[in-house]
Amino acid sequence: MVIGTICAANHLPKAACLASSLKATQPKHEFALCLVERDRSALCSIEGAFPEIILASEIGIPNFSSFVFRHERYEACCAVKAQFMLWAMERFPDEQDFLYLDPDVMAYSSFEELEAVLPSSQIVVTPHQLHDENSEIGIRENTFRTLIAGTFNLGFLALRRSQAAADFLCWWNSKLQALCYMEWRTRGLFVDQKWALLGLSFFDMSILREPGYNVANWNVSQRHVTSDPSNHYFVNGKPLRFFHFSNIDSDRDLYFFKRFLDCSSPVFSLREEYLQALDSLGAREFYKTPWSYGQFLSGDPINLETRLVYRSNPKSLDRLPEPFAESNSRFYAVMAESPRTPSRAGRKTGHLLSMNR
């Protein structure tokens, strides 16, 4: 199996922790990192953590400059996912199974259930929730988030080499190339995730309903994490396969953990151990790293409104084919010529957007 992840420089320590946990728990599998930066310079001393590294600009996305300019950093890392998986299938022609994991994941034991199901499955996804919430607070804090973010968490996607998997990736890629934005208020888009739910209508997708996969702040209310004296972890009595530490940078995950868990829950010690591992890799400094696609070639920062103009105004796409060579003022001139301009109001994120990623 080939396991891949995607990140920008700010999350490299997370990707390194993921790689280390996979090496310990899935030693026979390959690992590849797709870095969404202009070059590899941000890797510095952490480069040795990754057996295979590819830049997003090298995986075959046409008109890459135009593509990446339309996205904010988080959106861009989601938007390259399908193309990265297609690249992996070409890069590793002898491999049959492929798995994508978000960089803020830690593996704790071998993925036995996934390996058992993949030979007879072509596309495997995991739901955010395996059990319905039965309390008002659970519905408000978790169910509503899932309705916005999508049924499946695409921090996990497994594929078996097949025509069906290739067809799904090509279809999904066509959506992500054009419509992978965090615009849930205005267009119902939640980067890559909502497209997978639509894909269930068109493709034969298998749903992995194992409690030990994708344990995270959005489902700990229904997934009871325990440990034994040997520090083996279990979820509803079954082995913990991986924990998804989404929202840990903002401490929003802690809000939900405290909301639903007793202070004695092993989740808190798992979280603290993960934070210590990140700190040992210099995560606080990496987190400050500016995105290399966050500025023009002149060095001036790209304003959010500029990206919104470029992605929403056909004139800008035609008239400014090399957007990084331009300036914010040039885009504002294009915006002034257009009768329709994007509104920052549509980009606001509220309480619900400590979301399921």
Protein backbone atom coordinates (compact mmCIF):
# COMPACT_ATOMS: atom_id res chain seq x y z
CA MET A 1 0.00 0.00 0.00
CA VAL A 2 1.08 3.56 -0.69
CA ILE A 3 0.02 6.07 1.97
CA GLY A 4 0.18 9.74 1.09
CA THR A 5 -0.47 13.08 2.71
CA ILE A 6 -0.55 16.71 1.62
CA CYS A 7 0.49 19.85 3.45
CA ALA A 8 2.12 23.25 3.19
CA ALA A 9 5.25 24.17 5.14
CA ASN A 10 3.36 25.21 8.26
CA HIS A 11 2.15 21.65 8.86
CA LEU A 12 5.35 19.75 8.03
CA PRO A 13 5.86 18.63 11.66
CA LYS A 14 2.40 17.08 11.58
CA ALA A 15 3.23 15.24 8.38
CA ALA A 16 6.49 14.06 9.96
CA CYS A 17 4.63 12.74 13.02
CA LEU A 18 2.22 10.93 10.72
CA ALA A 19 5.12 9.40 8.79
CA SER A 20 6.78 8.25 12.01
CA SER A 21 3.58 6.67 13.32
CA LEU A 22 3.01 4.87 10.03
CA LYS A 23 6.56 3.56 10.00
CA ALA A 24 5.94 2.08 13.46
CA THR A 25 2.50 0.62 12.73
CA GLN A 26 2.46 -0.05 8.96
CA PRO A 27 6.15 -0.76 8.24
CA LYS A 28 5.61 -2.60 4.97
CA HIS A 29 3.84 0.32 3.28
CA GLU A 30 5.27 3.17 1.22
CA PHE A 31 4.81 6.81 2.24
CA ALA A 32 4.72 9.94 0.07
CA LEU A 33 4.34 13.64 0.84
CA CYS A 34 2.91 16.24 -1.51
CA LEU A 35 4.21 19.68 -0.50
CA VAL A 36 2.13 22.68 -1.58
CA GLU A 37 5.00 25.17 -1.75
CA ARG A 38 7.13 26.69 -4.51
CA ASP A 39 10.17 24.61 -3.55
CA ARG A 40 11.53 22.22 -0.93
CA SER A 41 13.48 24.80 1.07
CA ALA A 42 11.08 24.68 4.04
CA LEU A 43 11.89 21.02 4.64
CA CYS A 44 15.40 21.74 6.00
CA SER A 45 16.27 19.26 8.78
CA ILE A 46 12.87 17.55 8.65
CA GLU A 47 13.30 16.28 5.09
CA GLY A 48 14.61 12.89 6.24
CA ALA A 49 11.21 12.05 7.69
CA PHE A 50 9.76 11.60 4.20
CA PRO A 51 10.84 8.75 1.90
CA GLU A 52 9.15 10.36 -1.11
CA ILE A 53 8.47 14.07 -1.64
CA ILE A 54 6.73 15.71 -4.58
CA LEU A 55 5.77 19.35 -5.04
CA ALA A 56 2.16 20.06 -5.93
CA SER A 57 3.38 21.87 -9.03
CA GLU A 58 4.94 18.59 -10.23
CA ILE A 59 1.94 16.24 -10.09
CA GLY A 60 0.41 17.25 -13.41
CA ILE A 61 -2.13 20.00 -12.67
CA PRO A 62 -2.54 22.11 -15.84
CA ASN A 63 -2.04 25.89 -15.57
CA PHE A 64 -0.82 25.39 -12.04
CA SER A 65 -0.11 29.06 -11.34
CA SER A 66 -3.66 29.99 -12.21
CA PHE A 67 -4.99 27.04 -10.23
CA VAL A 68 -3.09 27.73 -7.01
CA PHE A 69 -3.69 31.48 -7.16
CA ARG A 70 -7.44 30.87 -6.89
CA HIS A 71 -7.05 29.15 -3.52
CA GLU A 72 -6.12 30.00 0.01
CA ARG A 73 -3.56 27.69 1.60
CA TYR A 74 -6.01 25.28 3.21
CA GLU A 75 -8.17 25.13 0.09
CA ALA A 76 -5.15 24.45 -2.13
CA CYS A 77 -4.04 21.51 0.01
CA CYS A 78 -7.51 19.99 -0.41
CA ALA A 79 -7.81 20.83 -4.10
CA VAL A 80 -4.72 18.84 -5.16
CA LYS A 81 -5.86 15.64 -3.42
CA ALA A 82 -7.37 13.76 -6.35
CA GLN A 83 -4.51 14.67 -8.69
CA PHE A 84 -2.01 13.56 -6.04
CA MET A 85 -3.69 10.16 -5.82
CA LEU A 86 -3.63 9.85 -9.61
CA TRP A 87 0.06 10.75 -9.54
CA ALA A 88 0.70 8.09 -6.87
CA MET A 89 -0.92 5.40 -9.00
CA GLU A 90 1.39 6.32 -11.85
CA ARG A 91 4.47 6.69 -9.63
CA PHE A 92 3.99 3.28 -7.99
CA PRO A 93 2.75 1.04 -10.85
CA ASP A 94 3.24 -2.21 -8.93
CA GLU A 95 1.15 -1.16 -5.96
CA GLN A 96 -2.52 -2.08 -5.81
CA ASP A 97 -3.73 -0.17 -2.75
CA PHE A 98 -3.54 3.55 -2.01
CA LEU A 99 -4.51 5.52 1.08
CA TYR A 100 -4.70 9.24 1.69
CA LEU A 101 -4.50 10.56 5.26
CA ASP A 102 -4.55 14.16 6.44
CA PRO A 103 -1.24 15.29 8.01
CA ASP A 104 -2.84 15.84 11.44
CA VAL A 105 -3.41 12.10 11.86
CA MET A 106 -1.52 9.70 14.11
CA ALA A 107 -1.61 5.94 13.58
CA TYR A 108 -1.67 3.73 16.68
CA SER A 109 -2.00 0.20 15.28
CA SER A 110 -2.08 -1.67 11.98
CA PHE A 111 -4.98 -1.02 9.62
CA GLU A 112 -6.12 -4.65 9.60
CA GLU A 113 -9.79 -4.00 8.81
CA LEU A 114 -8.91 -1.75 5.89
CA GLU A 115 -6.47 -4.28 4.46
CA ALA A 116 -9.15 -6.96 4.76
CA VAL A 117 -11.79 -4.94 2.90
CA LEU A 118 -9.65 -3.42 0.13
CA PRO A 119 -9.29 -6.54 -2.07
CA SER A 120 -13.05 -6.52 -2.62
CA SER A 121 -13.54 -2.75 -2.53
CA GLN A 122 -12.43 -0.05 -4.94
CA ILE A 123 -13.22 3.18 -3.08
CA VAL A 124 -13.38 3.27 0.73
CA VAL A 125 -14.51 6.21 2.88
CA THR A 126 -15.25 6.72 6.58
CA PRO A 127 -18.19 8.63 8.07
CA HIS A 128 -17.79 11.39 10.60
CA GLN A 129 -20.30 9.61 12.82
CA LEU A 130 -21.13 5.95 13.26
CA HIS A 131 -23.93 6.56 15.78
CA ASP A 132 -26.63 9.19 15.86
CA GLU A 133 -26.45 11.82 18.55
CA ASN A 134 -29.18 11.40 21.17
CA SER A 135 -28.83 14.66 23.05
CA GLU A 136 -29.57 18.27 22.21
CA ILE A 137 -25.96 19.27 22.83
CA GLY A 138 -24.67 16.44 20.64
CA ILE A 139 -26.94 17.43 17.78
CA ARG A 140 -26.00 21.09 18.12
CA GLU A 141 -22.26 20.58 18.46
CA ASN A 142 -21.67 17.56 16.21
CA THR A 143 -24.59 16.70 13.93
CA PHE A 144 -24.95 20.25 12.64
CA ARG A 145 -21.23 20.37 11.83
CA THR A 146 -21.51 17.14 9.87
CA LEU A 147 -24.48 18.43 7.90
CA ILE A 148 -22.35 21.38 6.84
CA ALA A 149 -19.05 19.56 6.27
CA GLY A 150 -20.41 16.41 4.65
CA THR A 151 -21.14 12.85 5.76
CA PHE A 152 -17.63 11.53 5.09
CA ASN A 153 -14.35 12.85 6.37
CA LEU A 154 -11.95 13.00 3.46
CA GLY A 155 -8.98 13.07 5.80
CA PHE A 156 -9.15 9.38 4.90
CA LEU A 157 -9.63 7.87 1.45
CA ALA A 158 -8.58 4.38 0.39
CA LEU A 159 -8.50 3.12 -3.17
CA ARG A 160 -7.87 -0.19 -4.89
CA ARG A 161 -6.26 0.14 -8.32
CA SER A 162 -9.13 -0.33 -10.76
CA GLN A 163 -10.99 1.40 -13.54
CA ALA A 164 -13.67 2.42 -11.07
CA ALA A 165 -11.12 4.08 -8.76
CA ALA A 166 -9.51 5.87 -11.69
CA ASP A 167 -12.90 7.05 -12.95
CA PHE A 168 -13.79 8.33 -9.48
CA LEU A 169 -10.49 10.20 -9.13
CA CYS A 170 -10.86 11.81 -12.55
CA TRP A 171 -14.43 12.88 -11.77
CA TRP A 172 -13.48 14.14 -8.30
CA ASN A 173 -10.44 15.93 -9.72
CA SER A 174 -12.60 17.80 -12.21
CA LYS A 175 -14.67 19.13 -9.30
CA LEU A 176 -11.67 20.00 -7.13
CA GLN A 177 -9.90 21.83 -9.94
CA ALA A 178 -12.80 24.25 -10.27
CA LEU A 179 -14.83 24.14 -7.04
CA CYS A 180 -12.77 23.29 -3.98
CA TYR A 181 -13.48 26.28 -1.78
CA MET A 182 -14.55 26.95 1.77
CA GLU A 183 -17.80 28.59 0.72
CA TRP A 184 -20.38 26.68 2.73
CA ARG A 185 -22.50 29.74 3.50
CA THR A 186 -22.87 30.97 -0.08
CA ARG A 187 -22.55 27.88 -2.28
CA GLY A 188 -22.68 24.90 0.06
CA LEU A 189 -19.03 24.06 -0.67
CA PHE A 190 -16.84 22.55 2.02
CA VAL A 191 -13.62 22.12 0.06
CA ASP A 192 -13.33 18.49 -1.14
CA GLN A 193 -15.73 16.72 1.23
CA LYS A 194 -19.19 17.45 -0.12
CA TRP A 195 -18.15 16.16 -3.56
CA ALA A 196 -17.47 12.73 -2.08
CA LEU A 197 -21.03 12.59 -0.76
CA LEU A 198 -22.31 13.37 -4.26
CA GLY A 199 -19.94 10.73 -5.62
CA LEU A 200 -21.81 8.08 -3.64
CA SER A 201 -24.61 8.51 -6.18
CA PHE A 202 -22.33 7.78 -9.13
CA PHE A 203 -19.74 5.29 -7.87
CA ASP A 204 -19.70 2.07 -5.90
CA MET A 205 -18.15 3.35 -2.68
CA SER A 206 -17.60 1.21 0.41
CA ILE A 207 -18.18 2.73 3.84
CA LEU A 208 -15.76 1.57 6.53
CA ARG A 209 -17.77 1.61 9.75
CA GLU A 210 -14.98 0.81 12.20
CA PRO A 211 -14.88 2.90 15.40
CA GLY A 212 -11.07 2.87 15.57
CA TYR A 213 -10.70 4.81 12.32
CA ASN A 214 -10.86 8.60 12.23
CA VAL A 215 -11.54 9.20 15.90
CA ALA A 216 -11.73 12.98 16.31
CA ASN A 217 -13.33 15.86 18.15
CA TRP A 218 -16.54 15.50 16.12
CA ASN A 219 -17.29 11.95 17.27
CA VAL A 220 -15.74 11.41 20.73
CA SER A 221 -19.21 11.81 22.21
CA GLN A 222 -20.04 8.40 20.71
CA ARG A 223 -16.61 6.75 20.62
CA HIS A 224 -15.41 5.70 24.05
CA VAL A 225 -11.59 5.65 24.12
CA THR A 226 -9.92 3.44 26.72
CA SER A 227 -6.43 2.11 27.36
CA ASP A 228 -4.82 -0.89 29.04
CA PRO A 229 -1.71 -1.07 31.26
CA SER A 230 0.45 -1.65 28.17
CA ASN A 231 -0.71 1.64 26.64
CA HIS A 232 -2.78 -0.01 23.94
CA TYR A 233 -5.79 2.08 23.03
CA PHE A 234 -9.31 0.94 22.23
CA VAL A 235 -12.44 2.59 20.88
CA ASN A 236 -15.74 1.04 21.91
CA GLY A 237 -13.75 -2.08 22.72
CA LYS A 238 -11.93 -2.30 19.37
CA PRO A 239 -8.32 -1.24 18.65
CA LEU A 240 -7.66 2.43 17.96
CA ARG A 241 -6.25 2.57 14.44
CA PHE A 242 -5.76 6.31 14.04
CA PHE A 243 -6.72 9.55 15.73
CA HIS A 244 -7.41 12.68 13.73
CA PHE A 245 -6.15 15.70 15.68
CA SER A 246 -8.15 18.24 13.71
CA ASN A 247 -8.40 21.82 15.04
CA ILE A 248 -5.56 21.29 17.50
CA ASP A 249 -3.77 24.50 16.47
CA SER A 250 -6.66 26.66 17.60
CA ASP A 251 -7.53 24.50 20.65
CA ARG A 252 -11.03 24.15 19.24
CA ASP A 253 -10.62 20.38 19.56
CA LEU A 254 -10.11 20.87 23.29
CA TYR A 255 -13.44 22.68 23.49
CA PHE A 256 -15.24 19.58 22.20
CA PHE A 257 -13.16 17.15 24.24
CA LYS A 258 -14.02 19.02 27.44
CA ARG A 259 -17.62 19.24 26.32
CA PHE A 260 -18.09 15.50 25.91
CA LEU A 261 -15.34 13.68 27.85
CA ASP A 262 -14.54 13.04 31.46
CA CYS A 263 -11.20 14.53 32.49
CA SER A 264 -9.85 10.99 32.98
CA SER A 265 -10.30 10.10 29.29
CA PRO A 266 -7.12 8.86 27.56
CA VAL A 267 -7.93 11.32 24.75
CA PHE A 268 -6.33 14.10 26.78
CA SER A 269 -3.07 12.19 27.24
CA LEU A 270 -3.04 11.26 23.56
CA ARG A 271 -3.44 14.91 22.69
CA GLU A 272 -0.67 16.00 25.05
CA GLU A 273 1.73 13.36 23.68
CA TYR A 274 0.96 14.53 20.15
CA LEU A 275 1.63 18.15 21.06
CA GLN A 276 4.94 17.18 22.64
CA ALA A 277 5.93 15.29 19.50
CA LEU A 278 5.09 18.34 17.39
CA ASP A 279 7.06 20.63 19.70
CA SER A 280 10.10 18.37 19.43
CA LEU A 281 10.05 19.00 15.67
CA GLY A 282 9.80 22.78 16.03
CA ALA A 283 6.11 23.01 15.22
CA ARG A 284 5.72 26.48 16.70
CA GLU A 285 8.28 27.92 14.31
CA PHE A 286 6.98 25.97 11.32
CA TYR A 287 3.49 27.22 12.04
CA LYS A 288 4.71 30.78 11.49
CA THR A 289 6.10 29.94 8.04
CA PRO A 290 4.37 32.10 5.43
CA TRP A 291 2.93 30.29 2.45
CA SER A 292 5.18 30.73 -0.55
CA TYR A 293 2.08 31.08 -2.73
CA GLY A 294 0.76 33.76 -0.40
CA GLN A 295 2.65 36.56 -2.12
CA PHE A 296 3.27 37.96 -5.55
CA LEU A 297 6.65 37.55 -7.23
CA SER A 298 7.34 41.10 -6.09
CA GLY A 299 7.09 39.90 -2.48
CA ASP A 300 3.87 41.81 -1.74
CA PRO A 301 1.22 39.74 0.10
CA ILE A 302 -1.84 38.65 -1.87
CA ASN A 303 -5.04 39.99 -0.36
CA LEU A 304 -7.99 37.66 0.13
CA GLU A 305 -10.18 39.88 -2.05
CA THR A 306 -7.66 39.50 -4.85
CA ARG A 307 -8.00 35.73 -4.85
CA LEU A 308 -11.79 36.02 -4.75
CA VAL A 309 -11.76 38.36 -7.75
CA TYR A 310 -9.53 36.01 -9.69
CA ARG A 311 -11.58 32.92 -9.03
CA SER A 312 -14.99 34.50 -9.63
CA ASN A 313 -14.40 36.92 -12.50
CA PRO A 314 -13.92 35.36 -15.98
CA LYS A 315 -12.27 38.57 -17.15
CA SER A 316 -9.45 38.17 -14.68
CA LEU A 317 -8.83 34.56 -15.71
CA ASP A 318 -8.45 35.62 -19.35
CA ARG A 319 -6.66 38.93 -18.88
CA LEU A 320 -4.26 37.92 -16.10
CA PRO A 321 -2.88 34.51 -17.09
CA GLU A 322 0.22 34.92 -14.86
CA PRO A 323 -1.43 36.19 -11.67
CA PHE A 324 1.66 36.00 -9.46
CA ALA A 325 3.36 38.53 -11.73
CA GLU A 326 0.59 41.06 -11.06
CA SER A 327 -0.36 43.13 -7.99
CA ASN A 328 -3.36 43.68 -5.75
CA SER A 329 -4.05 47.04 -7.38
CA ARG A 330 -4.18 45.42 -10.82
CA PHE A 331 -6.84 43.00 -9.60
CA TYR A 332 -8.81 45.80 -7.99
CA ALA A 333 -8.89 47.51 -11.38
CA VAL A 334 -10.39 44.34 -12.87
CA MET A 335 -12.89 44.19 -10.02
CA ALA A 336 -13.94 47.80 -10.67
CA GLU A 337 -14.71 46.92 -14.28
CA SER A 338 -16.99 44.03 -13.26
CA PRO A 339 -20.64 44.50 -12.26
CA ARG A 340 -20.40 41.56 -9.90
CA THR A 341 -17.77 41.34 -7.18
CA PRO A 342 -17.29 38.79 -4.44
CA SER A 343 -18.25 39.74 -0.93
CA ARG A 344 -16.09 39.13 2.09
CA ALA A 345 -19.31 38.49 4.01
CA GLY A 346 -19.67 35.18 2.21
CA ARG A 347 -16.32 34.11 3.61
CA LYS A 348 -17.03 34.66 7.28
CA THR A 349 -16.72 31.62 9.47
CA GLY A 350 -18.53 31.31 12.74
CA HIS A 351 -18.66 28.91 15.64
CA LEU A 352 -19.63 25.96 13.47
CA LEU A 353 -16.49 26.27 11.40
CA SER A 354 -14.20 24.65 13.86
CA MET A 355 -14.99 22.02 11.35
CA ASN A 356 -14.49 18.41 10.54
CA ARG A 357 -11.04 18.36 8.99
